[in-house]
Amino acid sequence: MKNALIYILLFVYIPFFQSCKKLDEPGSLVAKTVDKDNSLPSININGVQLHSEAFGHPDSTIIIVLHGGPGWDYRNLLNCKSLANHNYRVVFYDQIGSGLSQRFNEKFYTNKGMGVMDMLFNELHGVINHYKTHPNQDVILLGHSWGGMLATAFVGKHPNAAKGLIVIEPGGFKWGDVKTYLSNSMEYNLWDERLNDATFIDQIITAKDNQQEIIDYKMTVFVNLTAPHWRMGASVQYAFRNIGDKHSPNFSDGIESFTPNVLFIYSEKNKSYTDTWASNISSVFNSVQLEKIQGVGHSGIIANENAWSNQTTPIILEYLNSL
């Protein structure tokens, strides 16, 4: 209860009294999205405003970086921009409803059912086309966590859309595997103080499904992230979990049509990602190169400067040069 009171003081009363705004006004609790702050870099894809930026020569081979979640952002993947120093065009974007991109309520996604994946595929196609400067420009997909699942599902349906695929610790591709991984890696103890804190705050701050500021803020407090994130997309994350439970998707459907070698990277310190688990999850690909990054966990594969520079980058560059 002591920590709960601290959370309330820091995250509720202080922002409220300092801003003198309603809690659901843009910028009162969490960072503004691109449709509320025109100073942020953004692109418009299929009528949705996405937070996005790119590094490197526009005519170079494009590497599209796909973040985790759904609902997280690309901030802890920004070390990937160093690949621009090796003659690649590195593109980042926050997916719809995620990070600093435009928000929609939960029903916007759940009403689509599994059609929500086609929406994400069309979004990714739109991002690729936005940044392409010529029709023959090669595209590589680099997906971390959920981003690896999305990238795999995308090339399963559009096998000619990418020249290469880099998948970094996806939770799984079959829904049963995804649920097992989530259970092993995100398990909460019923009496854990952090869960008590989050539950206590939930009693103080309530939100309707269209109050995205409050919904996103509450999820950030609940998760208590150690990795740097601007803002979490709560509605899209809740919706995708519900859609998954209802439809049990297989994100590797059609992957047998994707013939290039796939680079599959996992970490030493993620105890939920054993050698056996990595081998099992990666077995869906026709041809796969398995690599383990030492001394780090899930986020550290890219976010840890030392691991990124000395382990992950050389592996990625060797793979890219082999395509």
C-alpha atoms as a PDB file:
ATOM      1  CA  MET A   1       0.000   0.000   0.000  1.00  0.00           C
ATOM      2  CA  LYS A   2       2.943   2.332   0.629  1.00  0.00           C
ATOM      3  CA  ASN A   3       4.043   2.047  -2.983  1.00  0.00           C
ATOM      4  CA  ALA A   4       0.494   2.527  -4.167  1.00  0.00           C
ATOM      5  CA  LEU A   5       0.340   5.870  -2.418  1.00  0.00           C
ATOM      6  CA  ILE A   6       3.612   6.894  -4.018  1.00  0.00           C
ATOM      7  CA  TYR A   7       2.246   5.976  -7.454  1.00  0.00           C
ATOM      8  CA  ILE A   8      -0.846   8.053  -6.856  1.00  0.00           C
ATOM      9  CA  LEU A   9       1.202  11.046  -5.764  1.00  0.00           C
ATOM     10  CA  LEU A  10       3.648  10.883  -8.663  1.00  0.00           C
ATOM     11  CA  PHE A  11       1.399   9.786 -11.495  1.00  0.00           C
ATOM     12  CA  VAL A  12      -1.990  11.239 -10.621  1.00  0.00           C
ATOM     13  CA  TYR A  13      -2.011  14.269  -8.355  1.00  0.00           C
ATOM     14  CA  ILE A  14       1.217  15.931  -9.456  1.00  0.00           C
ATOM     15  CA  PRO A  15       0.418  15.851 -13.225  1.00  0.00           C
ATOM     16  CA  PHE A  16      -3.149  16.897 -12.447  1.00  0.00           C
ATOM     17  CA  PHE A  17      -2.278  19.947 -10.367  1.00  0.00           C
ATOM     18  CA  GLN A  18       0.689  20.998 -12.496  1.00  0.00           C
ATOM     19  CA  SER A  19      -1.222  20.913 -15.763  1.00  0.00           C
ATOM     20  CA  CYS A  20      -4.600  22.065 -14.435  1.00  0.00           C
ATOM     21  CA  LYS A  21      -6.138  19.986 -17.226  1.00  0.00           C
ATOM     22  CA  LYS A  22      -8.580  17.146 -17.368  1.00  0.00           C
ATOM     23  CA  LEU A  23      -6.794  13.829 -17.180  1.00  0.00           C
ATOM     24  CA  ASP A  24      -7.888  12.750 -20.663  1.00  0.00           C
ATOM     25  CA  GLU A  25      -6.665  15.909 -22.420  1.00  0.00           C
ATOM     26  CA  PRO A  26      -3.697  15.396 -24.786  1.00  0.00           C
ATOM     27  CA  GLY A  27      -0.389  15.617 -22.956  1.00  0.00           C
ATOM     28  CA  SER A  28      -1.854  15.581 -19.440  1.00  0.00           C
ATOM     29  CA  LEU A  29      -0.670  12.076 -18.504  1.00  0.00           C
ATOM     30  CA  VAL A  30       1.304  10.659 -21.419  1.00  0.00           C
ATOM     31  CA  ALA A  31       3.068  11.968 -24.521  1.00  0.00           C
ATOM     32  CA  LYS A  32       0.868  13.357 -27.301  1.00  0.00           C
ATOM     33  CA  THR A  33       0.290  11.289 -30.411  1.00  0.00           C
ATOM     34  CA  VAL A  34       1.213  12.617 -33.852  1.00  0.00           C
ATOM     35  CA  ASP A  35      -2.334  13.703 -34.623  1.00  0.00           C
ATOM     36  CA  LYS A  36      -2.183  15.921 -31.508  1.00  0.00           C
ATOM     37  CA  ASP A  37       1.385  17.203 -31.971  1.00  0.00           C
ATOM     38  CA  ASN A  38       2.404  18.268 -35.480  1.00  0.00           C
ATOM     39  CA  SER A  39       6.043  18.726 -34.435  1.00  0.00           C
ATOM     40  CA  LEU A  40       6.498  14.923 -34.411  1.00  0.00           C
ATOM     41  CA  PRO A  41       7.699  13.163 -37.573  1.00  0.00           C
ATOM     42  CA  SER A  42       4.782  11.368 -39.172  1.00  0.00           C
ATOM     43  CA  ILE A  43       3.360   9.848 -42.348  1.00  0.00           C
ATOM     44  CA  ASN A  44      -0.230   9.271 -43.415  1.00  0.00           C
ATOM     45  CA  ILE A  45      -0.963   5.682 -44.420  1.00  0.00           C
ATOM     46  CA  ASN A  46      -4.448   4.593 -45.449  1.00  0.00           C
ATOM     47  CA  GLY A  47      -5.951   7.591 -43.662  1.00  0.00           C
ATOM     48  CA  VAL A  48      -4.122   6.908 -40.379  1.00  0.00           C
ATOM     49  CA  GLN A  49      -1.383   9.188 -39.067  1.00  0.00           C
ATOM     50  CA  LEU A  50       1.649   7.157 -37.984  1.00  0.00           C
ATOM     51  CA  HIS A  51       4.694   8.250 -36.032  1.00  0.00           C
ATOM     52  CA  SER A  52       7.594   7.464 -38.381  1.00  0.00           C
ATOM     53  CA  GLU A  53      11.138   8.445 -39.349  1.00  0.00           C
ATOM     54  CA  ALA A  54      13.883   7.071 -41.578  1.00  0.00           C
ATOM     55  CA  PHE A  55      17.681   7.171 -41.734  1.00  0.00           C
ATOM     56  CA  GLY A  56      20.105   6.596 -44.601  1.00  0.00           C
ATOM     57  CA  HIS A  57      20.104   7.269 -48.336  1.00  0.00           C
ATOM     58  CA  PRO A  58      16.562   7.111 -49.756  1.00  0.00           C
ATOM     59  CA  ASP A  59      17.640   4.923 -52.699  1.00  0.00           C
ATOM     60  CA  SER A  60      19.354   2.233 -50.596  1.00  0.00           C
ATOM     61  CA  THR A  61      17.906  -1.166 -49.681  1.00  0.00           C
ATOM     62  CA  ILE A  62      15.149  -0.522 -47.138  1.00  0.00           C
ATOM     63  CA  ILE A  63      15.098  -2.166 -43.716  1.00  0.00           C
ATOM     64  CA  ILE A  64      11.661  -1.847 -42.111  1.00  0.00           C
ATOM     65  CA  VAL A  65      11.913  -2.165 -38.313  1.00  0.00           C
ATOM     66  CA  LEU A  66       8.785  -3.596 -36.663  1.00  0.00           C
ATOM     67  CA  HIS A  67       8.360  -3.068 -32.926  1.00  0.00           C
ATOM     68  CA  GLY A  68       6.788  -5.334 -30.314  1.00  0.00           C
ATOM     69  CA  GLY A  69       3.491  -5.303 -28.510  1.00  0.00           C
ATOM     70  CA  PRO A  70       1.088  -4.924 -30.106  1.00  0.00           C
ATOM     71  CA  GLY A  71       0.939  -1.448 -28.631  1.00  0.00           C
ATOM     72  CA  TRP A  72       4.593  -0.708 -27.839  1.00  0.00           C
ATOM     73  CA  ASP A  73       6.807   1.628 -29.863  1.00  0.00           C
ATOM     74  CA  TYR A  74      10.101   1.711 -31.733  1.00  0.00           C
ATOM     75  CA  ARG A  75      12.090   3.740 -29.197  1.00  0.00           C
ATOM     76  CA  ASN A  76      14.125   0.858 -27.778  1.00  0.00           C
ATOM     77  CA  LEU A  77      14.942  -0.309 -31.320  1.00  0.00           C
ATOM     78  CA  LEU A  78      16.580   2.936 -32.413  1.00  0.00           C
ATOM     79  CA  ASN A  79      20.067   1.416 -32.304  1.00  0.00           C
ATOM     80  CA  CYS A  80      19.049  -0.154 -35.622  1.00  0.00           C
ATOM     81  CA  LYS A  81      19.551   3.232 -37.245  1.00  0.00           C
ATOM     82  CA  SER A  82      23.312   2.529 -37.194  1.00  0.00           C
ATOM     83  CA  LEU A  83      22.641   0.146 -40.099  1.00  0.00           C
ATOM     84  CA  ALA A  84      22.237   3.305 -42.177  1.00  0.00           C
ATOM     85  CA  ASN A  85      26.020   3.671 -41.888  1.00  0.00           C
ATOM     86  CA  HIS A  86      26.290   0.475 -43.945  1.00  0.00           C
ATOM     87  CA  ASN A  87      24.330   1.786 -46.946  1.00  0.00           C
ATOM     88  CA  TYR A  88      20.846   0.834 -45.829  1.00  0.00           C
ATOM     89  CA  ARG A  89      17.711   2.943 -45.522  1.00  0.00           C
ATOM     90  CA  VAL A  90      16.358   2.184 -42.030  1.00  0.00           C
ATOM     91  CA  VAL A  91      12.666   2.914 -41.489  1.00  0.00           C
ATOM     92  CA  PHE A  92      10.876   3.055 -38.138  1.00  0.00           C
ATOM     93  CA  TYR A  93       7.167   3.452 -37.549  1.00  0.00           C
ATOM     94  CA  ASP A  94       4.779   3.009 -34.650  1.00  0.00           C
ATOM     95  CA  GLN A  95       2.001   0.704 -35.797  1.00  0.00           C
ATOM     96  CA  ILE A  96      -1.607   1.880 -35.703  1.00  0.00           C
ATOM     97  CA  GLY A  97      -2.746   2.541 -32.127  1.00  0.00           C
ATOM     98  CA  SER A  98       0.812   2.101 -30.819  1.00  0.00           C
ATOM     99  CA  GLY A  99       3.549   4.365 -29.486  1.00  0.00           C
ATOM    100  CA  LEU A 100       2.853   7.879 -30.710  1.00  0.00           C
ATOM    101  CA  SER A 101       0.642   6.905 -33.658  1.00  0.00           C
ATOM    102  CA  GLN A 102      -3.050   7.759 -33.956  1.00  0.00           C
ATOM    103  CA  ARG A 103      -5.420   6.039 -31.507  1.00  0.00           C
ATOM    104  CA  PHE A 104      -8.697   4.172 -31.928  1.00  0.00           C
ATOM    105  CA  ASN A 105     -10.890   2.465 -29.364  1.00  0.00           C
ATOM    106  CA  GLU A 106     -10.846  -1.278 -28.739  1.00  0.00           C
ATOM    107  CA  LYS A 107     -13.981  -2.035 -30.760  1.00  0.00           C
ATOM    108  CA  PHE A 108     -12.348  -0.518 -33.849  1.00  0.00           C
ATOM    109  CA  TYR A 109     -10.049  -3.568 -33.858  1.00  0.00           C
ATOM    110  CA  THR A 110     -12.239  -6.300 -32.370  1.00  0.00           C
ATOM    111  CA  ASN A 111     -15.076  -5.609 -34.822  1.00  0.00           C
ATOM    112  CA  LYS A 112     -12.691  -6.576 -37.634  1.00  0.00           C
ATOM    113  CA  GLY A 113     -11.933 -10.000 -36.149  1.00  0.00           C
ATOM    114  CA  MET A 114      -9.002 -11.600 -37.970  1.00  0.00           C
ATOM    115  CA  GLY A 115      -9.486  -8.964 -40.658  1.00  0.00           C
ATOM    116  CA  VAL A 116      -7.372  -6.808 -38.369  1.00  0.00           C
ATOM    117  CA  MET A 117      -4.310  -8.616 -39.775  1.00  0.00           C
ATOM    118  CA  ASP A 118      -5.189  -7.487 -43.298  1.00  0.00           C
ATOM    119  CA  MET A 119      -5.353  -3.948 -41.922  1.00  0.00           C
ATOM    120  CA  LEU A 120      -1.821  -4.332 -40.557  1.00  0.00           C
ATOM    121  CA  PHE A 121      -0.593  -5.894 -43.816  1.00  0.00           C
ATOM    122  CA  ASN A 122      -2.059  -2.979 -45.784  1.00  0.00           C
ATOM    123  CA  GLU A 123      -0.421  -0.590 -43.351  1.00  0.00           C
ATOM    124  CA  LEU A 124       2.976  -2.244 -43.826  1.00  0.00           C
ATOM    125  CA  HIS A 125       2.520  -2.214 -47.611  1.00  0.00           C
ATOM    126  CA  GLY A 126       1.712   1.487 -47.327  1.00  0.00           C
ATOM    127  CA  VAL A 127       4.836   2.210 -45.281  1.00  0.00           C
ATOM    128  CA  ILE A 128       7.003   0.324 -47.785  1.00  0.00           C
ATOM    129  CA  ASN A 129       5.472   2.181 -50.733  1.00  0.00           C
ATOM    130  CA  HIS A 130       5.812   5.512 -48.954  1.00  0.00           C
ATOM    131  CA  TYR A 131       9.555   5.104 -48.517  1.00  0.00           C
ATOM    132  CA  LYS A 132      10.338   3.366 -51.815  1.00  0.00           C
ATOM    133  CA  THR A 133      11.965   5.642 -54.375  1.00  0.00           C
ATOM    134  CA  HIS A 134      12.018   3.098 -57.237  1.00  0.00           C
ATOM    135  CA  PRO A 135      10.080  -0.113 -58.005  1.00  0.00           C
ATOM    136  CA  ASN A 136      13.106  -2.445 -57.832  1.00  0.00           C
ATOM    137  CA  GLN A 137      14.262  -1.253 -54.408  1.00  0.00           C
ATOM    138  CA  ASP A 138      14.873  -4.242 -52.133  1.00  0.00           C
ATOM    139  CA  VAL A 139      13.091  -4.512 -48.772  1.00  0.00           C
ATOM    140  CA  ILE A 140      14.213  -6.352 -45.632  1.00  0.00           C
ATOM    141  CA  LEU A 141      11.892  -6.835 -42.654  1.00  0.00           C
ATOM    142  CA  LEU A 142      13.361  -6.772 -39.136  1.00  0.00           C
ATOM    143  CA  GLY A 143      10.820  -7.627 -36.452  1.00  0.00           C
ATOM    144  CA  HIS A 144      11.351  -7.719 -32.705  1.00  0.00           C
ATOM    145  CA  SER A 145       8.974  -9.752 -30.495  1.00  0.00           C
ATOM    146  CA  TRP A 146       5.421  -9.130 -31.811  1.00  0.00           C
ATOM    147  CA  GLY A 147       7.100  -7.363 -34.737  1.00  0.00           C
ATOM    148  CA  GLY A 148       8.692 -10.696 -35.690  1.00  0.00           C
ATOM    149  CA  MET A 149       5.284 -12.345 -35.641  1.00  0.00           C
ATOM    150  CA  LEU A 150       3.807  -9.588 -37.803  1.00  0.00           C
ATOM    151  CA  ALA A 151       6.711  -9.738 -40.271  1.00  0.00           C
ATOM    152  CA  THR A 152       6.374 -13.524 -40.554  1.00  0.00           C
ATOM    153  CA  ALA A 153       2.616 -13.332 -41.102  1.00  0.00           C
ATOM    154  CA  PHE A 154       3.163 -10.624 -43.729  1.00  0.00           C
ATOM    155  CA  VAL A 155       5.670 -12.574 -45.857  1.00  0.00           C
ATOM    156  CA  GLY A 156       3.535 -15.683 -45.428  1.00  0.00           C
ATOM    157  CA  LYS A 157       0.795 -13.877 -47.301  1.00  0.00           C
ATOM    158  CA  HIS A 158       3.067 -11.742 -49.513  1.00  0.00           C
ATOM    159  CA  PRO A 159       6.200 -13.855 -50.052  1.00  0.00           C
ATOM    160  CA  ASN A 160       7.607 -11.614 -52.780  1.00  0.00           C
ATOM    161  CA  ALA A 161       7.291  -8.393 -50.787  1.00  0.00           C
ATOM    162  CA  ALA A 162      10.620  -8.800 -48.964  1.00  0.00           C
ATOM    163  CA  LYS A 163      14.071 -10.012 -49.967  1.00  0.00           C
ATOM    164  CA  GLY A 164      14.985 -11.054 -46.431  1.00  0.00           C
ATOM    165  CA  LEU A 165      13.522 -11.547 -42.964  1.00  0.00           C
ATOM    166  CA  ILE A 166      15.130 -10.993 -39.559  1.00  0.00           C
ATOM    167  CA  VAL A 167      13.046 -12.291 -36.649  1.00  0.00           C
ATOM    168  CA  ILE A 168      14.086 -11.460 -33.083  1.00  0.00           C
ATOM    169  CA  GLU A 169      12.491 -13.436 -30.229  1.00  0.00           C
ATOM    170  CA  PRO A 170       8.901 -13.704 -31.427  1.00  0.00           C
ATOM    171  CA  GLY A 171       6.638 -15.049 -28.702  1.00  0.00           C
ATOM    172  CA  GLY A 172       5.452 -17.758 -31.069  1.00  0.00           C
ATOM    173  CA  PHE A 173       3.509 -18.207 -34.282  1.00  0.00           C
ATOM    174  CA  LYS A 174       0.759 -20.635 -33.291  1.00  0.00           C
ATOM    175  CA  TRP A 175      -1.569 -19.096 -30.717  1.00  0.00           C
ATOM    176  CA  GLY A 176      -1.007 -21.883 -28.202  1.00  0.00           C
ATOM    177  CA  ASP A 177       2.726 -21.183 -28.274  1.00  0.00           C
ATOM    178  CA  VAL A 178       2.107 -17.443 -27.911  1.00  0.00           C
ATOM    179  CA  LYS A 179      -0.019 -18.001 -24.801  1.00  0.00           C
ATOM    180  CA  THR A 180       2.572 -20.358 -23.325  1.00  0.00           C
ATOM    181  CA  TYR A 181       5.347 -17.840 -23.878  1.00  0.00           C
ATOM    182  CA  LEU A 182       3.308 -14.979 -22.401  1.00  0.00           C
ATOM    183  CA  SER A 183       2.474 -17.091 -19.382  1.00  0.00           C
ATOM    184  CA  ASN A 184       6.125 -17.981 -18.815  1.00  0.00           C
ATOM    185  CA  SER A 185       7.569 -14.539 -19.411  1.00  0.00           C
ATOM    186  CA  MET A 186       4.940 -12.217 -17.918  1.00  0.00           C
ATOM    187  CA  GLU A 187       3.599 -14.174 -14.967  1.00  0.00           C
ATOM    188  CA  TYR A 188       2.375 -12.092 -11.999  1.00  0.00           C
ATOM    189  CA  ASN A 189       2.153 -13.237  -8.445  1.00  0.00           C
ATOM    190  CA  LEU A 190      -1.319 -12.585  -7.051  1.00  0.00           C
ATOM    191  CA  TRP A 191       0.228 -10.911  -3.984  1.00  0.00           C
ATOM    192  CA  ASP A 192       2.976  -9.045  -5.882  1.00  0.00           C
ATOM    193  CA  GLU A 193       3.249  -5.432  -4.667  1.00  0.00           C
ATOM    194  CA  ARG A 194       3.341  -4.136  -8.237  1.00  0.00           C
ATOM    195  CA  LEU A 195       0.010  -5.814  -9.007  1.00  0.00           C
ATOM    196  CA  ASN A 196      -1.438  -4.393  -5.795  1.00  0.00           C
ATOM    197  CA  ASP A 197      -0.249  -0.902  -6.796  1.00  0.00           C
ATOM    198  CA  ALA A 198      -1.772  -1.141 -10.254  1.00  0.00           C
ATOM    199  CA  THR A 199      -5.068  -2.473  -8.920  1.00  0.00           C
ATOM    200  CA  PHE A 200      -5.250   0.323  -6.385  1.00  0.00           C
ATOM    201  CA  ILE A 201      -4.715   2.990  -9.057  1.00  0.00           C
ATOM    202  CA  ASP A 202      -7.378   1.329 -11.226  1.00  0.00           C
ATOM    203  CA  GLN A 203      -9.876   2.002  -8.432  1.00  0.00           C
ATOM    204  CA  ILE A 204      -8.968   5.708  -8.409  1.00  0.00           C
ATOM    205  CA  ILE A 205      -8.777   6.448 -12.156  1.00  0.00           C
ATOM    206  CA  THR A 206     -11.485   5.035 -14.413  1.00  0.00           C
ATOM    207  CA  ALA A 207     -11.776   5.549 -18.144  1.00  0.00           C
ATOM    208  CA  LYS A 208     -14.243   5.096 -20.987  1.00  0.00           C
ATOM    209  CA  ASP A 209     -13.063   3.275 -24.093  1.00  0.00           C
ATOM    210  CA  ASN A 210     -12.528   6.534 -25.978  1.00  0.00           C
ATOM    211  CA  GLN A 211     -10.338   8.114 -23.265  1.00  0.00           C
ATOM    212  CA  GLN A 212      -7.076   6.937 -24.767  1.00  0.00           C
ATOM    213  CA  GLU A 213      -4.815   9.124 -22.608  1.00  0.00           C
ATOM    214  CA  ILE A 214      -6.051   7.519 -19.394  1.00  0.00           C
ATOM    215  CA  ILE A 215      -6.171   3.983 -20.818  1.00  0.00           C
ATOM    216  CA  ASP A 216      -2.587   4.210 -22.096  1.00  0.00           C
ATOM    217  CA  TYR A 217      -1.366   5.775 -18.878  1.00  0.00           C
ATOM    218  CA  LYS A 218      -2.882   3.047 -16.713  1.00  0.00           C
ATOM    219  CA  MET A 219      -1.244   0.327 -18.781  1.00  0.00           C
ATOM    220  CA  THR A 220       2.147   2.021 -18.465  1.00  0.00           C
ATOM    221  CA  VAL A 221       1.807   2.138 -14.683  1.00  0.00           C
ATOM    222  CA  PHE A 222       0.656  -1.483 -14.568  1.00  0.00           C
ATOM    223  CA  VAL A 223       3.488  -2.831 -16.714  1.00  0.00           C
ATOM    224  CA  ASN A 224       6.064  -0.652 -14.919  1.00  0.00           C
ATOM    225  CA  LEU A 225       8.413  -0.867 -17.880  1.00  0.00           C
ATOM    226  CA  THR A 226      12.177  -0.820 -17.444  1.00  0.00           C
ATOM    227  CA  ALA A 227      12.784  -0.284 -21.162  1.00  0.00           C
ATOM    228  CA  PRO A 228      12.338   3.295 -22.452  1.00  0.00           C
ATOM    229  CA  HIS A 229       8.930   3.850 -24.003  1.00  0.00           C
ATOM    230  CA  TRP A 230       7.145   7.031 -24.910  1.00  0.00           C
ATOM    231  CA  ARG A 231       3.643   5.650 -24.625  1.00  0.00           C
ATOM    232  CA  MET A 232       1.890   2.295 -24.729  1.00  0.00           C
ATOM    233  CA  GLY A 233      -1.204   1.579 -26.821  1.00  0.00           C
ATOM    234  CA  ALA A 234      -3.549  -0.126 -24.391  1.00  0.00           C
ATOM    235  CA  SER A 235      -6.621  -0.461 -26.627  1.00  0.00           C
ATOM    236  CA  VAL A 236      -4.792  -2.201 -29.457  1.00  0.00           C
ATOM    237  CA  GLN A 237      -3.057  -4.564 -27.028  1.00  0.00           C
ATOM    238  CA  TYR A 238      -6.301  -5.522 -25.274  1.00  0.00           C
ATOM    239  CA  ALA A 239      -8.042  -5.979 -28.623  1.00  0.00           C
ATOM    240  CA  PHE A 240      -5.385  -8.243 -30.113  1.00  0.00           C
ATOM    241  CA  ARG A 241      -5.340 -10.452 -27.038  1.00  0.00           C
ATOM    242  CA  ASN A 242      -9.127 -10.826 -27.271  1.00  0.00           C
ATOM    243  CA  ILE A 243      -8.997 -11.499 -31.031  1.00  0.00           C
ATOM    244  CA  GLY A 244      -6.281 -14.088 -30.499  1.00  0.00           C
ATOM    245  CA  ASP A 245      -8.232 -15.901 -27.791  1.00  0.00           C
ATOM    246  CA  LYS A 246     -11.320 -15.963 -30.000  1.00  0.00           C
ATOM    247  CA  HIS A 247      -9.747 -16.996 -33.323  1.00  0.00           C
ATOM    248  CA  SER A 248      -6.479 -18.787 -32.347  1.00  0.00           C
ATOM    249  CA  PRO A 249      -4.471 -17.438 -35.298  1.00  0.00           C
ATOM    250  CA  ASN A 250      -1.394 -19.054 -36.802  1.00  0.00           C
ATOM    251  CA  PHE A 251       1.008 -16.257 -37.770  1.00  0.00           C
ATOM    252  CA  SER A 252       3.101 -18.662 -39.835  1.00  0.00           C
ATOM    253  CA  ASP A 253       0.312 -19.506 -42.300  1.00  0.00           C
ATOM    254  CA  GLY A 254       1.759 -19.551 -45.823  1.00  0.00           C
ATOM    255  CA  ILE A 255       5.366 -19.177 -44.655  1.00  0.00           C
ATOM    256  CA  GLU A 256       6.351 -22.226 -46.725  1.00  0.00           C
ATOM    257  CA  SER A 257       6.035 -19.941 -49.774  1.00  0.00           C
ATOM    258  CA  PHE A 258       8.791 -17.671 -48.474  1.00  0.00           C
ATOM    259  CA  THR A 259      12.031 -19.181 -49.779  1.00  0.00           C
ATOM    260  CA  PRO A 260      14.867 -16.849 -48.634  1.00  0.00           C
ATOM    261  CA  ASN A 261      16.947 -17.827 -45.626  1.00  0.00           C
ATOM    262  CA  VAL A 262      15.599 -16.327 -42.380  1.00  0.00           C
ATOM    263  CA  LEU A 263      17.789 -14.923 -39.608  1.00  0.00           C
ATOM    264  CA  PHE A 264      16.307 -15.875 -36.217  1.00  0.00           C
ATOM    265  CA  ILE A 265      17.902 -14.225 -33.157  1.00  0.00           C
ATOM    266  CA  TYR A 266      17.255 -14.941 -29.484  1.00  0.00           C
ATOM    267  CA  SER A 267      18.972 -14.103 -26.187  1.00  0.00           C
ATOM    268  CA  GLU A 268      20.854 -15.926 -23.450  1.00  0.00           C
ATOM    269  CA  LYS A 269      19.185 -14.302 -20.453  1.00  0.00           C
ATOM    270  CA  ASN A 270      15.561 -14.581 -21.454  1.00  0.00           C
ATOM    271  CA  LYS A 271      14.813 -17.668 -19.385  1.00  0.00           C
ATOM    272  CA  SER A 272      11.594 -18.238 -21.314  1.00  0.00           C
ATOM    273  CA  TYR A 273      13.581 -18.522 -24.556  1.00  0.00           C
ATOM    274  CA  THR A 274      15.575 -21.702 -24.184  1.00  0.00           C
ATOM    275  CA  ASP A 275      17.545 -23.303 -27.015  1.00  0.00           C
ATOM    276  CA  THR A 276      14.760 -25.861 -27.346  1.00  0.00           C
ATOM    277  CA  TRP A 277      12.076 -23.173 -27.530  1.00  0.00           C
ATOM    278  CA  ALA A 278      14.011 -21.196 -30.161  1.00  0.00           C
ATOM    279  CA  SER A 279      14.532 -24.333 -32.229  1.00  0.00           C
ATOM    280  CA  ASN A 280      10.845 -25.233 -32.002  1.00  0.00           C
ATOM    281  CA  ILE A 281       9.518 -21.767 -32.869  1.00  0.00           C
ATOM    282  CA  SER A 282      11.959 -21.243 -35.746  1.00  0.00           C
ATOM    283  CA  SER A 283      11.172 -24.627 -37.305  1.00  0.00           C
ATOM    284  CA  VAL A 284       8.331 -23.112 -39.363  1.00  0.00           C
ATOM    285  CA  PHE A 285      10.814 -21.578 -41.808  1.00  0.00           C
ATOM    286  CA  ASN A 286      12.132 -23.383 -44.897  1.00  0.00           C
ATOM    287  CA  SER A 287      15.667 -22.218 -44.207  1.00  0.00           C
ATOM    288  CA  VAL A 288      16.722 -20.569 -40.954  1.00  0.00           C
ATOM    289  CA  GLN A 289      19.917 -19.319 -39.318  1.00  0.00           C
ATOM    290  CA  LEU A 290      19.674 -19.485 -35.502  1.00  0.00           C
ATOM    291  CA  GLU A 291      21.824 -17.066 -33.489  1.00  0.00           C
ATOM    292  CA  LYS A 292      21.973 -16.498 -29.718  1.00  0.00           C
ATOM    293  CA  ILE A 293      23.109 -13.149 -28.264  1.00  0.00           C
ATOM    294  CA  GLN A 294      25.082 -13.604 -25.055  1.00  0.00           C
ATOM    295  CA  GLY A 295      24.758 -11.604 -21.841  1.00  0.00           C
ATOM    296  CA  VAL A 296      21.428  -9.886 -22.501  1.00  0.00           C
ATOM    297  CA  GLY A 297      17.716 -10.561 -22.458  1.00  0.00           C
ATOM    298  CA  HIS A 298      14.743  -9.841 -24.711  1.00  0.00           C
ATOM    299  CA  SER A 299      15.168  -6.067 -25.160  1.00  0.00           C
ATOM    300  CA  GLY A 300      18.954  -6.059 -24.845  1.00  0.00           C
ATOM    301  CA  ILE A 301      19.479  -7.805 -28.193  1.00  0.00           C
ATOM    302  CA  ILE A 302      19.049  -4.368 -29.766  1.00  0.00           C
ATOM    303  CA  ALA A 303      18.766  -1.877 -26.891  1.00  0.00           C
ATOM    304  CA  ASN A 304      22.021  -2.839 -25.154  1.00  0.00           C
ATOM    305  CA  GLU A 305      24.752  -0.775 -26.843  1.00  0.00           C
ATOM    306  CA  ASN A 306      27.520  -3.306 -26.272  1.00  0.00           C
ATOM    307  CA  ALA A 307      25.501  -6.324 -27.410  1.00  0.00           C
ATOM    308  CA  TRP A 308      24.168  -4.446 -30.426  1.00  0.00           C
ATOM    309  CA  SER A 309      27.574  -3.226 -31.590  1.00  0.00           C
ATOM    310  CA  ASN A 310      29.640  -6.334 -30.884  1.00  0.00           C
ATOM    311  CA  GLN A 311      27.217  -9.205 -31.438  1.00  0.00           C
ATOM    312  CA  THR A 312      23.900  -8.354 -33.092  1.00  0.00           C
ATOM    313  CA  THR A 313      25.145  -5.948 -35.759  1.00  0.00           C
ATOM    314  CA  PRO A 314      27.894  -8.229 -37.152  1.00  0.00           C
ATOM    315  CA  ILE A 315      25.409 -11.118 -37.376  1.00  0.00           C
ATOM    316  CA  ILE A 316      22.823  -8.959 -39.160  1.00  0.00           C
ATOM    317  CA  LEU A 317      25.364  -7.515 -41.603  1.00  0.00           C
ATOM    318  CA  GLU A 318      26.700 -10.961 -42.452  1.00  0.00           C
ATOM    319  CA  TYR A 319      23.149 -12.118 -43.118  1.00  0.00           C
ATOM    320  CA  LEU A 320      22.325  -9.087 -45.246  1.00  0.00           C
ATOM    321  CA  ASN A 321      25.456  -9.562 -47.308  1.00  0.00           C
ATOM    322  CA  SER A 322      24.460 -13.174 -47.975  1.00  0.00           C
ATOM    323  CA  LEU A 323      21.126 -12.276 -49.582  1.00  0.00           C
END
